[in-house]
Amino acid sequence: MDDPKIRVEVAYARANEQKIISVQVKQGTTLLEAVQQSGIVDYFPEINLDEAKLGIFGKAVAKPAEQAIKEGERVEIYRPLIADPKEVRKRRAEQAKQKKSVQESAN
């Protein structure tokens, strides 16, 4: 008897392009296996599945090679951050502080 199949989606987005691939996989397939079976790496060769962070509907999954995906779920492949959000906020705060200081000394 064949293993029951489930339908899931695999999604990846660049800044200017995105793709969602619908794929049927065997029940019990892991997130990582679903991504591999989707063939999305053929469209986006920069994806390194050994390092890529994966999640389901915006929530990161710690062990995508171990967690099974469920019917109707969407696996998302996250791009690495270009800049550390904490550093960006820190830089912005410093710039605002300097601007305020310049304004106060001009008055």
Protein backbone atom coordinates (compact mmCIF):
# COMPACT_ATOMS: atom_id res chain seq x y z
CA MET A 1 0.00 0.00 0.00
CA ASP A 2 1.31 3.48 -0.91
CA ASP A 3 2.18 5.97 1.80
CA PRO A 4 -0.44 8.70 2.02
CA LYS A 5 0.59 11.97 0.36
CA ILE A 6 0.10 15.46 1.72
CA ARG A 7 0.27 18.78 -0.11
CA VAL A 8 2.62 21.45 1.23
CA GLU A 9 4.24 24.62 -0.07
CA VAL A 10 7.86 25.73 -0.15
CA ALA A 11 8.56 29.46 -0.32
CA TYR A 12 11.63 31.63 -0.88
CA ALA A 13 11.93 35.34 -1.56
CA ARG A 14 14.66 37.59 -2.83
CA ALA A 15 14.25 41.35 -2.46
CA ASN A 16 12.73 41.57 -5.95
CA GLU A 17 11.49 38.04 -6.66
CA GLN A 18 9.66 35.29 -4.80
CA LYS A 19 8.40 31.82 -5.53
CA ILE A 20 6.01 29.43 -3.81
CA ILE A 21 6.09 25.85 -5.02
CA SER A 22 3.29 23.44 -4.18
CA VAL A 23 4.52 19.88 -3.75
CA GLN A 24 3.07 16.52 -2.71
CA VAL A 25 5.19 14.59 -0.24
CA LYS A 26 4.81 11.44 1.81
CA GLN A 27 3.32 11.85 5.24
CA GLY A 28 6.20 12.08 7.73
CA THR A 29 8.46 14.05 5.36
CA THR A 30 10.66 16.56 7.18
CA LEU A 31 10.84 20.26 6.34
CA LEU A 32 14.29 19.82 4.85
CA GLU A 33 13.17 16.88 2.70
CA ALA A 34 10.17 18.87 1.44
CA VAL A 35 12.46 21.72 0.39
CA GLN A 36 14.78 19.28 -1.37
CA GLN A 37 11.88 17.59 -3.16
CA SER A 38 10.39 20.92 -4.26
CA GLY A 39 13.34 21.69 -6.53
CA ILE A 40 13.35 25.34 -5.42
CA VAL A 41 17.16 25.35 -5.42
CA ASP A 42 16.97 25.00 -9.22
CA TYR A 43 15.29 28.44 -9.32
CA PHE A 44 17.48 30.00 -6.61
CA PRO A 45 20.94 28.39 -6.74
CA GLU A 46 22.23 30.69 -3.98
CA ILE A 47 20.23 28.71 -1.40
CA ASN A 48 22.61 26.62 0.71
CA LEU A 49 20.42 24.01 2.40
CA ASP A 50 23.22 23.09 4.79
CA GLU A 51 23.10 26.59 6.29
CA ALA A 52 19.65 27.95 5.43
CA LYS A 53 17.21 28.70 8.24
CA LEU A 54 13.77 27.18 7.68
CA GLY A 55 10.43 27.89 9.26
CA ILE A 56 6.71 27.34 8.97
CA PHE A 57 4.46 30.36 8.40
CA GLY A 58 6.99 32.85 9.81
CA LYS A 59 8.09 30.79 12.79
CA ALA A 60 11.65 29.43 12.69
CA VAL A 61 12.10 25.69 13.22
CA ALA A 62 15.19 24.68 15.22
CA LYS A 63 15.64 21.22 13.66
CA PRO A 64 14.12 21.20 10.15
CA ALA A 65 15.85 17.91 9.32
CA GLU A 66 13.91 16.25 12.14
CA GLN A 67 10.51 17.97 12.20
CA ALA A 68 7.80 16.49 10.00
CA ILE A 69 5.68 18.84 7.94
CA LYS A 70 1.88 18.65 8.05
CA GLU A 71 -0.78 18.95 5.37
CA GLY A 72 -1.23 22.53 4.15
CA GLU A 73 1.85 23.98 5.85
CA ARG A 74 4.26 26.31 4.07
CA VAL A 75 8.00 25.86 4.57
CA GLU A 76 9.81 29.18 4.32
CA ILE A 77 13.49 29.49 3.53
CA TYR A 78 14.97 32.54 5.23
CA ARG A 79 17.78 34.60 3.70
CA PRO A 80 20.66 35.61 5.96
CA LEU A 81 20.39 39.11 7.44
CA ILE A 82 22.41 41.75 5.62
CA ALA A 83 22.79 43.87 8.75
CA ASP A 84 22.39 43.13 12.44
CA PRO A 85 19.14 44.86 13.53
CA LYS A 86 20.67 45.78 16.89
CA GLU A 87 23.60 47.51 15.19
CA VAL A 88 21.27 49.39 12.85
CA ARG A 89 19.17 50.68 15.79
CA LYS A 90 22.33 51.62 17.70
CA ARG A 91 23.67 53.58 14.71
CA ARG A 92 20.32 55.34 14.21
CA ALA A 93 20.18 56.34 17.89
CA GLU A 94 23.74 57.70 17.73
CA GLN A 95 22.90 59.74 14.63
CA ALA A 96 19.78 61.15 16.30
CA LYS A 97 21.84 62.06 19.37
CA GLN A 98 24.44 63.86 17.23
CA LYS A 99 21.72 65.71 15.29
CA LYS A 100 20.07 66.82 18.53
CA SER A 101 23.44 68.01 19.88
CA VAL A 102 24.08 70.05 16.71
CA GLN A 103 20.61 71.61 16.92
CA GLU A 104 21.05 72.52 20.59
CA SER A 105 24.44 74.14 19.98
CA ALA A 106 22.97 76.17 17.08
CA ASN A 107 20.29 77.66 19.37
